[in-house]
Amino acid sequence: TNLPVTPLWIVLINSTAFFILVSGRMIPAMAIVSQVVDNK
């Protein structure tokens, strides 16, 4: 959200890390939330 004019290869490195980490949070988060209640 603060990138100035930047070469494509730097943008690719940052955007790829963004997708991995931001979406990756959801995996442990959903596992944690799913066991708050009993299956019934």
Full PDB file with SEQRES, HELIX, SHEET, SSBOND, CRYST1, ORIGX, SCALE, CONECT and MASTER records, all heavy atoms in Angstrom:
SEQRES   1 A   40  THR ASN LEU PRO VAL THR PRO LEU TRP ILE VAL LEU ILE          
SEQRES   2 A   40  ASN SER THR ALA PHE PHE ILE LEU VAL SER GLY ARG MET          
SEQRES   3 A   40  ILE PRO ALA MET ALA ILE VAL SER GLN VAL VAL ASP ASN          
SEQRES   4 A   40  LYS                                                          
HELIX    1 AA1 LEU A    8  GLY A   24  1                                  17    
HELIX    2 AA2 MET A   26  SER A   34  1                                   9    
CRYST1    1.000    1.000    1.000  90.00  90.00  90.00 P 1           1          
ORIGX1      1.000000  0.000000  0.000000        0.00000                         
ORIGX2      0.000000  1.000000  0.000000        0.00000                         
ORIGX3      0.000000  0.000000  1.000000        0.00000                         
SCALE1      1.000000  0.000000  0.000000        0.00000                         
SCALE2      0.000000  1.000000  0.000000        0.00000                         
SCALE3      0.000000  0.000000  1.000000        0.00000                         
ATOM      1  N   THR A   1       0.808  -1.222   0.000  1.00  0.00           N  
ATOM      2  CA  THR A   1       0.000   0.000   0.000  1.00  0.00           C  
ATOM      3  C   THR A   1       0.843   1.275   0.000  1.00  0.00           C  
ATOM      4  O   THR A   1       0.285   2.375   0.051  1.00  0.00           O  
ATOM      5  CB  THR A   1      -0.933   0.010   1.223  1.00  0.00           C  
ATOM      6  OG1 THR A   1      -0.165  -0.186   2.420  1.00  0.00           O  
ATOM      7  CG2 THR A   1      -1.959  -1.101   1.114  1.00  0.00           C  
ATOM      8  N   ASN A   2       2.162   1.116  -0.060  1.00  0.00           N  
ATOM      9  CA  ASN A   2       3.050   2.296  -0.077  1.00  0.00           C  
ATOM     10  C   ASN A   2       4.061   2.261  -1.211  1.00  0.00           C  
ATOM     11  O   ASN A   2       4.978   3.088  -1.243  1.00  0.00           O  
ATOM     12  CB  ASN A   2       3.807   2.404   1.250  1.00  0.00           C  
ATOM     13  CG  ASN A   2       2.928   2.895   2.387  1.00  0.00           C  
ATOM     14  OD1 ASN A   2       2.767   4.096   2.603  1.00  0.00           O  
ATOM     15  ND2 ASN A   2       2.338   1.965   3.115  1.00  0.00           N  
ATOM     16  N   LEU A   3       3.921   1.320  -2.150  1.00  0.00           N  
ATOM     17  CA  LEU A   3       4.900   1.172  -3.219  1.00  0.00           C  
ATOM     18  C   LEU A   3       4.972   2.407  -4.108  1.00  0.00           C  
ATOM     19  O   LEU A   3       3.943   2.903  -4.575  1.00  0.00           O  
ATOM     20  CB  LEU A   3       4.554  -0.038  -4.089  1.00  0.00           C  
ATOM     21  CG  LEU A   3       5.094  -1.413  -3.680  1.00  0.00           C  
ATOM     22  CD1 LEU A   3       4.545  -2.477  -4.617  1.00  0.00           C  
ATOM     23  CD2 LEU A   3       6.612  -1.425  -3.694  1.00  0.00           C  
ATOM     24  N   PRO A   4       6.181   2.905  -4.382  1.00  0.00           N  
ATOM     25  CA  PRO A   4       6.353   3.924  -5.420  1.00  0.00           C  
ATOM     26  C   PRO A   4       6.515   3.230  -6.773  1.00  0.00           C  
ATOM     27  O   PRO A   4       6.259   2.023  -6.891  1.00  0.00           O  
ATOM     28  CB  PRO A   4       7.640   4.613  -4.991  1.00  0.00           C  
ATOM     29  CG  PRO A   4       8.431   3.502  -4.345  1.00  0.00           C  
ATOM     30  CD  PRO A   4       7.422   2.597  -3.676  1.00  0.00           C  
ATOM     31  N   VAL A   5       6.942   3.944  -7.793  1.00  0.00           N  
ATOM     32  CA  VAL A   5       7.251   3.309  -9.078  1.00  0.00           C  
ATOM     33  C   VAL A   5       8.370   2.287  -8.849  1.00  0.00           C  
ATOM     34  O   VAL A   5       9.434   2.625  -8.339  1.00  0.00           O  
ATOM     35  CB  VAL A   5       7.677   4.356 -10.118  1.00  0.00           C  
ATOM     36  CG1 VAL A   5       8.096   3.673 -11.418  1.00  0.00           C  
ATOM     37  CG2 VAL A   5       6.533   5.336 -10.375  1.00  0.00           C  
ATOM     38  N   THR A   6       8.107   1.028  -9.200  1.00  0.00           N  
ATOM     39  CA  THR A   6       8.978  -0.080  -8.803  1.00  0.00           C  
ATOM     40  C   THR A   6       9.113  -1.071  -9.960  1.00  0.00           C  
ATOM     41  O   THR A   6       8.140  -1.321 -10.678  1.00  0.00           O  
ATOM     42  CB  THR A   6       8.384  -0.805  -7.575  1.00  0.00           C  
ATOM     43  OG1 THR A   6       8.142   0.149  -6.538  1.00  0.00           O  
ATOM     44  CG2 THR A   6       9.321  -1.881  -7.062  1.00  0.00           C  
ATOM     45  N   PRO A   7      10.296  -1.662 -10.135  1.00  0.00           N  
ATOM     46  CA  PRO A   7      10.455  -2.696 -11.170  1.00  0.00           C  
ATOM     47  C   PRO A   7       9.539  -3.889 -10.920  1.00  0.00           C  
ATOM     48  O   PRO A   7       9.202  -4.211  -9.774  1.00  0.00           O  
ATOM     49  CB  PRO A   7      11.934  -3.103 -11.034  1.00  0.00           C  
ATOM     50  CG  PRO A   7      12.593  -1.936 -10.385  1.00  0.00           C  
ATOM     51  CD  PRO A   7      11.564  -1.340  -9.468  1.00  0.00           C  
ATOM     52  N   LEU A   8       9.170  -4.564 -11.995  1.00  0.00           N  
ATOM     53  CA  LEU A   8       8.229  -5.670 -11.919  1.00  0.00           C  
ATOM     54  C   LEU A   8       8.727  -6.788 -11.009  1.00  0.00           C  
ATOM     55  O   LEU A   8       7.938  -7.366 -10.248  1.00  0.00           O  
ATOM     56  CB  LEU A   8       7.958  -6.223 -13.328  1.00  0.00           C  
ATOM     57  CG  LEU A   8       7.036  -7.451 -13.404  1.00  0.00           C  
ATOM     58  CD1 LEU A   8       5.644  -7.126 -12.886  1.00  0.00           C  
ATOM     59  CD2 LEU A   8       6.965  -7.974 -14.835  1.00  0.00           C  
ATOM     60  N   TRP A   9      10.029  -7.102 -11.042  1.00  0.00           N  
ATOM     61  CA  TRP A   9      10.513  -8.241 -10.258  1.00  0.00           C  
ATOM     62  C   TRP A   9      10.375  -8.005  -8.761  1.00  0.00           C  
ATOM     63  O   TRP A   9      10.104  -8.936  -8.006  1.00  0.00           O  
ATOM     64  CB  TRP A   9      11.966  -8.573 -10.630  1.00  0.00           C  
ATOM     65  CG  TRP A   9      12.996  -7.534 -10.255  1.00  0.00           C  
ATOM     66  CD1 TRP A   9      13.382  -6.469 -10.987  1.00  0.00           C  
ATOM     67  CD2 TRP A   9      13.760  -7.499  -9.043  1.00  0.00           C  
ATOM     68  NE1 TRP A   9      14.354  -5.737 -10.338  1.00  0.00           N  
ATOM     69  CE2 TRP A   9      14.604  -6.360  -9.132  1.00  0.00           C  
ATOM     70  CE3 TRP A   9      13.817  -8.293  -7.906  1.00  0.00           C  
ATOM     71  CZ2 TRP A   9      15.491  -6.010  -8.115  1.00  0.00           C  
ATOM     72  CZ3 TRP A   9      14.700  -7.939  -6.889  1.00  0.00           C  
ATOM     73  CH2 TRP A   9      15.524  -6.815  -7.002  1.00  0.00           C  
ATOM     74  N   ILE A  10      10.527  -6.762  -8.340  1.00  0.00           N  
ATOM     75  CA  ILE A  10      10.334  -6.449  -6.921  1.00  0.00           C  
ATOM     76  C   ILE A  10       8.850  -6.556  -6.552  1.00  0.00           C  
ATOM     77  O   ILE A  10       8.487  -7.075  -5.486  1.00  0.00           O  
ATOM     78  CB  ILE A  10      10.873  -5.043  -6.593  1.00  0.00           C  
ATOM     79  CG1 ILE A  10      12.390  -4.988  -6.809  1.00  0.00           C  
ATOM     80  CG2 ILE A  10      10.520  -4.641  -5.159  1.00  0.00           C  
ATOM     81  CD1 ILE A  10      12.995  -3.628  -6.560  1.00  0.00           C  
ATOM     82  N   VAL A  11       7.989  -6.070  -7.437  1.00  0.00           N  
ATOM     83  CA  VAL A  11       6.551  -6.170  -7.205  1.00  0.00           C  
ATOM     84  C   VAL A  11       6.133  -7.631  -7.094  1.00  0.00           C  
ATOM     85  O   VAL A  11       5.328  -7.996  -6.220  1.00  0.00           O  
ATOM     86  CB  VAL A  11       5.774  -5.473  -8.342  1.00  0.00           C  
ATOM     87  CG1 VAL A  11       4.277  -5.747  -8.217  1.00  0.00           C  
ATOM     88  CG2 VAL A  11       6.036  -3.975  -8.332  1.00  0.00           C  
ATOM     89  N   LEU A  12       6.673  -8.480  -7.954  1.00  0.00           N  
ATOM     90  CA  LEU A  12       6.339  -9.903  -7.930  1.00  0.00           C  
ATOM     91  C   LEU A  12       6.749 -10.557  -6.618  1.00  0.00           C  
ATOM     92  O   LEU A  12       5.998 -11.354  -6.047  1.00  0.00           O  
ATOM     93  CB  LEU A  12       7.002 -10.627  -9.102  1.00  0.00           C  
ATOM     94  CG  LEU A  12       6.330 -10.477 -10.467  1.00  0.00           C  
ATOM     95  CD1 LEU A  12       7.184 -11.097 -11.554  1.00  0.00           C  
ATOM     96  CD2 LEU A  12       4.946 -11.127 -10.457  1.00  0.00           C  
ATOM     97  N   ILE A  13       7.943 -10.233  -6.125  1.00  0.00           N  
ATOM     98  CA  ILE A  13       8.409 -10.802  -4.855  1.00  0.00           C  
ATOM     99  C   ILE A  13       7.474 -10.389  -3.714  1.00  0.00           C  
ATOM    100  O   ILE A  13       7.033 -11.207  -2.901  1.00  0.00           O  
ATOM    101  CB  ILE A  13       9.856 -10.372  -4.554  1.00  0.00           C  
ATOM    102  CG1 ILE A  13      10.819 -11.018  -5.562  1.00  0.00           C  
ATOM    103  CG2 ILE A  13      10.248 -10.751  -3.122  1.00  0.00           C  
ATOM    104  CD1 ILE A  13      12.244 -10.514  -5.438  1.00  0.00           C  
ATOM    105  N   ASN A  14       7.142  -9.103  -3.675  1.00  0.00           N  
ATOM    106  CA  ASN A  14       6.302  -8.604  -2.592  1.00  0.00           C  
ATOM    107  C   ASN A  14       4.873  -9.133  -2.694  1.00  0.00           C  
ATOM    108  O   ASN A  14       4.291  -9.573  -1.686  1.00  0.00           O  
ATOM    109  CB  ASN A  14       6.280  -7.072  -2.619  1.00  0.00           C  
ATOM    110  CG  ASN A  14       5.412  -6.490  -1.518  1.00  0.00           C  
ATOM    111  OD1 ASN A  14       5.764  -6.506  -0.350  1.00  0.00           O  
ATOM    112  ND2 ASN A  14       4.249  -5.977  -1.898  1.00  0.00           N  
ATOM    113  N   SER A  15       4.300  -9.118  -3.896  1.00  0.00           N  
ATOM    114  CA  SER A  15       2.914  -9.565  -4.045  1.00  0.00           C  
ATOM    115  C   SER A  15       2.782 -11.060  -3.762  1.00  0.00           C  
ATOM    116  O   SER A  15       1.784 -11.510  -3.176  1.00  0.00           O  
ATOM    117  CB  SER A  15       2.394  -9.251  -5.451  1.00  0.00           C  
ATOM    118  OG  SER A  15       3.160  -9.915  -6.436  1.00  0.00           O  
ATOM    119  N   THR A  16       3.783 -11.840  -4.154  1.00  0.00           N  
ATOM    120  CA  THR A  16       3.748 -13.277  -3.882  1.00  0.00           C  
ATOM    121  C   THR A  16       3.809 -13.540  -2.382  1.00  0.00           C  
ATOM    122  O   THR A  16       3.068 -14.373  -1.848  1.00  0.00           O  
ATOM    123  CB  THR A  16       4.914 -13.989  -4.595  1.00  0.00           C  
ATOM    124  OG1 THR A  16       4.806 -13.770  -6.001  1.00  0.00           O  
ATOM    125  CG2 THR A  16       4.888 -15.482  -4.315  1.00  0.00           C  
ATOM    126  N   ALA A  17       4.685 -12.819  -1.683  1.00  0.00           N  
ATOM    127  CA  ALA A  17       4.753 -12.946  -0.225  1.00  0.00           C  
ATOM    128  C   ALA A  17       3.431 -12.524   0.412  1.00  0.00           C  
ATOM    129  O   ALA A  17       2.952 -13.158   1.370  1.00  0.00           O  
ATOM    130  CB  ALA A  17       5.898 -12.092   0.320  1.00  0.00           C  
ATOM    131  N   PHE A  18       2.822 -11.486  -0.136  1.00  0.00           N  
ATOM    132  CA  PHE A  18       1.526 -11.014   0.379  1.00  0.00           C  
ATOM    133  C   PHE A  18       0.480 -12.114   0.278  1.00  0.00           C  
ATOM    134  O   PHE A  18      -0.229 -12.417   1.255  1.00  0.00           O  
ATOM    135  CB  PHE A  18       1.085  -9.774  -0.412  1.00  0.00           C  
ATOM    136  CG  PHE A  18      -0.273  -9.244  -0.027  1.00  0.00           C  
ATOM    137  CD1 PHE A  18      -0.397  -8.296   0.980  1.00  0.00           C  
ATOM    138  CD2 PHE A  18      -1.419  -9.684  -0.664  1.00  0.00           C  
ATOM    139  CE1 PHE A  18      -1.647  -7.804   1.339  1.00  0.00           C  
ATOM    140  CE2 PHE A  18      -2.668  -9.204  -0.315  1.00  0.00           C  
ATOM    141  CZ  PHE A  18      -2.786  -8.258   0.687  1.00  0.00           C  
ATOM    142  N   PHE A  19       0.365 -12.735  -0.895  1.00  0.00           N  
ATOM    143  CA  PHE A  19      -0.643 -13.784  -1.090  1.00  0.00           C  
ATOM    144  C   PHE A  19      -0.382 -14.981  -0.185  1.00  0.00           C  
ATOM    145  O   PHE A  19      -1.312 -15.540   0.402  1.00  0.00           O  
ATOM    146  CB  PHE A  19      -0.674 -14.219  -2.555  1.00  0.00           C  
ATOM    147  CG  PHE A  19      -1.422 -13.283  -3.454  1.00  0.00           C  
ATOM    148  CD1 PHE A  19      -0.771 -12.608  -4.479  1.00  0.00           C  
ATOM    149  CD2 PHE A  19      -2.775 -13.060  -3.281  1.00  0.00           C  
ATOM    150  CE1 PHE A  19      -1.462 -11.744  -5.310  1.00  0.00           C  
ATOM    151  CE2 PHE A  19      -3.476 -12.198  -4.105  1.00  0.00           C  
ATOM    152  CZ  PHE A  19      -2.818 -11.533  -5.122  1.00  0.00           C  
ATOM    153  N   ILE A  20       0.871 -15.406  -0.069  1.00  0.00           N  
ATOM    154  CA  ILE A  20       1.201 -16.570   0.760  1.00  0.00           C  
ATOM    155  C   ILE A  20       0.822 -16.326   2.209  1.00  0.00           C  
ATOM    156  O   ILE A  20       0.169 -17.155   2.860  1.00  0.00           O  
ATOM    157  CB  ILE A  20       2.703 -16.899   0.662  1.00  0.00           C  
ATOM    158  CG1 ILE A  20       3.039 -17.447  -0.725  1.00  0.00           C  
ATOM    159  CG2 ILE A  20       3.103 -17.923   1.734  1.00  0.00           C  
ATOM    160  CD1 ILE A  20       4.534 -17.648  -0.944  1.00  0.00           C  
ATOM    161  N   LEU A  21       1.227 -15.180   2.748  1.00  0.00           N  
ATOM    162  CA  LEU A  21       1.079 -14.918   4.176  1.00  0.00           C  
ATOM    163  C   LEU A  21      -0.344 -14.521   4.561  1.00  0.00           C  
ATOM    164  O   LEU A  21      -0.874 -14.997   5.575  1.00  0.00           O  
ATOM    165  CB  LEU A  21       2.066 -13.832   4.600  1.00  0.00           C  
ATOM    166  CG  LEU A  21       3.549 -14.205   4.444  1.00  0.00           C  
ATOM    167  CD1 LEU A  21       4.440 -12.975   4.614  1.00  0.00           C  
ATOM    168  CD2 LEU A  21       3.931 -15.278   5.452  1.00  0.00           C  
ATOM    169  N   VAL A  22      -0.976 -13.661   3.759  1.00  0.00           N  
ATOM    170  CA  VAL A  22      -2.321 -13.199   4.093  1.00  0.00           C  
ATOM    171  C   VAL A  22      -3.323 -14.341   3.989  1.00  0.00           C  
ATOM    172  O   VAL A  22      -4.185 -14.513   4.856  1.00  0.00           O  
ATOM    173  CB  VAL A  22      -2.723 -12.007   3.200  1.00  0.00           C  
ATOM    174  CG1 VAL A  22      -4.203 -11.676   3.376  1.00  0.00           C  
ATOM    175  CG2 VAL A  22      -1.873 -10.785   3.539  1.00  0.00           C  
ATOM    176  N   SER A  23      -3.216 -15.144   2.926  1.00  0.00           N  
ATOM    177  CA  SER A  23      -4.119 -16.294   2.820  1.00  0.00           C  
ATOM    178  C   SER A  23      -3.707 -17.421   3.760  1.00  0.00           C  
ATOM    179  O   SER A  23      -4.555 -18.168   4.258  1.00  0.00           O  
ATOM    180  CB  SER A  23      -4.156 -16.810   1.379  1.00  0.00           C  
ATOM    181  OG  SER A  23      -2.891 -17.271   0.970  1.00  0.00           O  
ATOM    182  N   GLY A  24      -2.401 -17.556   4.029  1.00  0.00           N  
ATOM    183  CA  GLY A  24      -1.916 -18.607   4.917  1.00  0.00           C  
ATOM    184  C   GLY A  24      -2.429 -18.488   6.336  1.00  0.00           C  
ATOM    185  O   GLY A  24      -2.601 -19.508   7.029  1.00  0.00           O  
ATOM    186  N   ARG A  25      -2.712 -17.261   6.790  1.00  0.00           N  
ATOM    187  CA  ARG A  25      -3.257 -17.074   8.143  1.00  0.00           C  
ATOM    188  C   ARG A  25      -4.569 -17.818   8.332  1.00  0.00           C  
ATOM    189  O   ARG A  25      -4.917 -18.244   9.432  1.00  0.00           O  
ATOM    190  CB  ARG A  25      -3.537 -15.589   8.415  1.00  0.00           C  
ATOM    191  CG  ARG A  25      -2.385 -14.650   8.314  1.00  0.00           C  
ATOM    192  CD  ARG A  25      -2.897 -13.217   8.358  1.00  0.00           C  
ATOM    193  NE  ARG A  25      -3.958 -13.027   7.376  1.00  0.00           N  
ATOM    194  CZ  ARG A  25      -4.944 -12.144   7.491  1.00  0.00           C  
ATOM    195  NH1 ARG A  25      -5.024 -11.364   8.540  1.00  0.00           N  
ATOM    196  NH2 ARG A  25      -5.871 -12.033   6.550  1.00  0.00           N  
ATOM    197  N   MET A  26      -5.326 -17.945   7.221  1.00  0.00           N  
ATOM    198  CA  MET A  26      -6.657 -18.530   7.333  1.00  0.00           C  
ATOM    199  C   MET A  26      -6.619 -20.007   7.707  1.00  0.00           C  
ATOM    200  O   MET A  26      -7.584 -20.519   8.287  1.00  0.00           O  
ATOM    201  CB  MET A  26      -7.402 -18.355   6.004  1.00  0.00           C  
ATOM    202  CG  MET A  26      -7.793 -16.928   5.693  1.00  0.00           C  
ATOM    203  SD  MET A  26      -8.973 -16.275   6.907  1.00  0.00           S  
ATOM    204  CE  MET A  26     -10.385 -17.333   6.595  1.00  0.00           C  
ATOM    205  N   ILE A  27      -5.537 -20.708   7.384  1.00  0.00           N  
ATOM    206  CA  ILE A  27      -5.472 -22.147   7.649  1.00  0.00           C  
ATOM    207  C   ILE A  27      -5.472 -22.438   9.145  1.00  0.00           C  
ATOM    208  O   ILE A  27      -6.362 -23.143   9.638  1.00  0.00           O  
ATOM    209  CB  ILE A  27      -4.266 -22.771   6.933  1.00  0.00           C  
ATOM    210  CG1 ILE A  27      -4.435 -22.626   5.419  1.00  0.00           C  
ATOM    211  CG2 ILE A  27      -4.086 -24.240   7.332  1.00  0.00           C  
ATOM    212  CD1 ILE A  27      -3.204 -22.989   4.618  1.00  0.00           C  
ATOM    213  N   PRO A  28      -4.512 -21.910   9.933  1.00  0.00           N  
ATOM    214  CA  PRO A  28      -4.602 -22.141  11.382  1.00  0.00           C  
ATOM    215  C   PRO A  28      -5.799 -21.446  12.011  1.00  0.00           C  
ATOM    216  O   PRO A  28      -6.377 -21.945  12.981  1.00  0.00           O  
ATOM    217  CB  PRO A  28      -3.275 -21.584  11.911  1.00  0.00           C  
ATOM    218  CG  PRO A  28      -2.807 -20.612  10.880  1.00  0.00           C  
ATOM    219  CD  PRO A  28      -3.284 -21.166   9.571  1.00  0.00           C  
ATOM    220  N   ALA A  29      -6.205 -20.297  11.444  1.00  0.00           N  
ATOM    221  CA  ALA A  29      -7.345 -19.575  12.019  1.00  0.00           C  
ATOM    222  C   ALA A  29      -8.621 -20.402  11.940  1.00  0.00           C  
ATOM    223  O   ALA A  29      -9.369 -20.508  12.923  1.00  0.00           O  
ATOM    224  CB  ALA A  29      -7.542 -18.233  11.308  1.00  0.00           C  
ATOM    225  N   MET A  30      -8.884 -21.004  10.783  1.00  0.00           N  
ATOM    226  CA  MET A  30     -10.099 -21.816  10.639  1.00  0.00           C  
ATOM    227  C   MET A  30     -10.024 -23.078  11.484  1.00  0.00           C  
ATOM    228  O   MET A  30     -11.043 -23.541  12.014  1.00  0.00           O  
ATOM    229  CB  MET A  30     -10.327 -22.161   9.170  1.00  0.00           C  
ATOM    230  CG  MET A  30     -10.743 -20.988   8.304  1.00  0.00           C  
ATOM    231  SD  MET A  30     -12.151 -20.040   8.947  1.00  0.00           S  
ATOM    232  CE  MET A  30     -13.402 -21.313   9.090  1.00  0.00           C  
ATOM    233  N   ALA A  31      -8.828 -23.658  11.619  1.00  0.00           N  
ATOM    234  CA  ALA A  31      -8.684 -24.831  12.477  1.00  0.00           C  
ATOM    235  C   ALA A  31      -9.005 -24.474  13.927  1.00  0.00           C  
ATOM    236  O   ALA A  31      -9.655 -25.244  14.645  1.00  0.00           O  
ATOM    237  CB  ALA A  31      -7.267 -25.393  12.366  1.00  0.00           C  
ATOM    238  N   ILE A  32      -8.560 -23.311  14.375  1.00  0.00           N  
ATOM    239  CA  ILE A  32      -8.820 -22.863  15.742  1.00  0.00           C  
ATOM    240  C   ILE A  32     -10.308 -22.599  15.953  1.00  0.00           C  
ATOM    241  O   ILE A  32     -10.922 -23.065  16.915  1.00  0.00           O  
ATOM    242  CB  ILE A  32      -7.998 -21.590  16.048  1.00  0.00           C  
ATOM    243  CG1 ILE A  32      -6.507 -21.908  16.084  1.00  0.00           C  
ATOM    244  CG2 ILE A  32      -8.441 -20.966  17.371  1.00  0.00           C  
ATOM    245  CD1 ILE A  32      -5.617 -20.678  16.045  1.00  0.00           C  
ATOM    246  N   VAL A  33     -10.913 -21.849  15.021  1.00  0.00           N  
ATOM    247  CA  VAL A  33     -12.320 -21.470  15.161  1.00  0.00           C  
ATOM    248  C   VAL A  33     -13.237 -22.690  15.079  1.00  0.00           C  
ATOM    249  O   VAL A  33     -14.247 -22.782  15.793  1.00  0.00           O  
ATOM    250  CB  VAL A  33     -12.701 -20.422  14.091  1.00  0.00           C  
ATOM    251  CG1 VAL A  33     -14.202 -20.219  14.031  1.00  0.00           C  
ATOM    252  CG2 VAL A  33     -12.005 -19.092  14.387  1.00  0.00           C  
ATOM    253  N   SER A  34     -12.875 -23.659  14.227  1.00  0.00           N  
ATOM    254  CA  SER A  34     -13.749 -24.814  14.012  1.00  0.00           C  
ATOM    255  C   SER A  34     -13.928 -25.670  15.257  1.00  0.00           C  
ATOM    256  O   SER A  34     -14.910 -26.416  15.365  1.00  0.00           O  
ATOM    257  CB  SER A  34     -13.207 -25.679  12.868  1.00  0.00           C  
ATOM    258  OG  SER A  34     -12.012 -26.340  13.248  1.00  0.00           O  
ATOM    259  N   GLN A  35     -12.983 -25.594  16.205  1.00  0.00           N  
ATOM    260  CA  GLN A  35     -13.103 -26.446  17.383  1.00  0.00           C  
ATOM    261  C   GLN A  35     -13.587 -25.688  18.625  1.00  0.00           C  
ATOM    262  O   GLN A  35     -13.510 -26.198  19.730  1.00  0.00           O  
ATOM    263  CB  GLN A  35     -11.767 -27.153  17.656  1.00  0.00           C  
ATOM    264  CG  GLN A  35     -10.537 -26.277  17.685  1.00  0.00           C  
ATOM    265  CD  GLN A  35     -10.383 -25.509  18.969  1.00  0.00           C  
ATOM    266  OE1 GLN A  35     -10.455 -26.071  20.046  1.00  0.00           O  
ATOM    267  NE2 GLN A  35     -10.163 -24.209  18.856  1.00  0.00           N  
ATOM    268  N   VAL A  36     -14.130 -24.486  18.398  1.00  0.00           N  
ATOM    269  CA  VAL A  36     -14.719 -23.746  19.516  1.00  0.00           C  
ATOM    270  C   VAL A  36     -15.991 -24.437  20.004  1.00  0.00           C  
ATOM    271  O   VAL A  36     -16.336 -24.360  21.173  1.00  0.00           O  
ATOM    272  CB  VAL A  36     -15.004 -22.286  19.088  1.00  0.00           C  
ATOM    273  CG1 VAL A  36     -15.889 -21.573  20.105  1.00  0.00           C  
ATOM    274  CG2 VAL A  36     -13.696 -21.519  18.904  1.00  0.00           C  
ATOM    275  N   VAL A  37     -16.695 -25.135  19.089  1.00  0.00           N  
ATOM    276  CA  VAL A  37     -17.968 -25.772  19.438  1.00  0.00           C  
ATOM    277  C   VAL A  37     -17.916 -27.268  19.174  1.00  0.00           C  
ATOM    278  O   VAL A  37     -17.061 -27.755  18.437  1.00  0.00           O  
ATOM    279  CB  VAL A  37     -19.133 -25.163  18.630  1.00  0.00           C  
ATOM    280  CG1 VAL A  37     -19.309 -23.702  18.956  1.00  0.00           C  
ATOM    281  CG2 VAL A  37     -18.910 -25.360  17.132  1.00  0.00           C  
ATOM    282  N   ASP A  38     -18.860 -27.975  19.773  1.00  0.00           N  
ATOM    283  CA  ASP A  38     -19.006 -29.404  19.528  1.00  0.00           C  
ATOM    284  C   ASP A  38     -19.653 -29.608  18.166  1.00  0.00           C  
ATOM    285  O   ASP A  38     -20.339 -28.724  17.646  1.00  0.00           O  
ATOM    286  CB  ASP A  38     -19.861 -30.014  20.641  1.00  0.00           C  
ATOM    287  CG  ASP A  38     -19.869 -31.531  20.591  1.00  0.00           C  
ATOM    288  OD1 ASP A  38     -18.810 -32.110  20.305  1.00  0.00           O  
ATOM    289  OD2 ASP A  38     -20.934 -32.107  20.826  1.00  0.00           O  
ATOM    290  N   ASN A  39     -19.476 -30.794  17.576  1.00  0.00           N  
ATOM    291  CA  ASN A  39     -19.929 -31.017  16.204  1.00  0.00           C  
ATOM    292  C   ASN A  39     -21.442 -30.940  16.036  1.00  0.00           C  
ATOM    293  O   ASN A  39     -21.932 -30.690  14.946  1.00  0.00           O  
ATOM    294  CB  ASN A  39     -19.404 -32.355  15.668  1.00  0.00           C  
ATOM    295  CG  ASN A  39     -20.010 -33.551  16.377  1.00  0.00           C  
ATOM    296  OD1 ASN A  39     -20.461 -33.440  17.515  1.00  0.00           O  
ATOM    297  ND2 ASN A  39     -20.007 -34.692  15.713  1.00  0.00           N  
ATOM    298  N   LYS A  40     -22.219 -31.117  17.099  1.00  0.00           N  
ATOM    299  CA  LYS A  40     -23.672 -31.120  16.949  1.00  0.00           C  
ATOM    300  C   LYS A  40     -24.242 -29.737  16.644  1.00  0.00           C  
ATOM    301  O   LYS A  40     -25.358 -29.635  16.132  1.00  0.00           O  
ATOM    302  CB  LYS A  40     -24.335 -31.695  18.205  1.00  0.00           C  
ATOM    303  CG  LYS A  40     -23.954 -31.032  19.508  1.00  0.00           C  
ATOM    304  CD  LYS A  40     -24.290 -31.954  20.672  1.00  0.00           C  
ATOM    305  CE  LYS A  40     -23.690 -31.448  21.978  1.00  0.00           C  
ATOM    306  NZ  LYS A  40     -23.667 -32.507  22.992  1.00  0.00           N  
TER     307      LYS A  40                                                      
MASTER        0    0    0    2    0    0    0    6  306    1    0    4          
END                                                                             
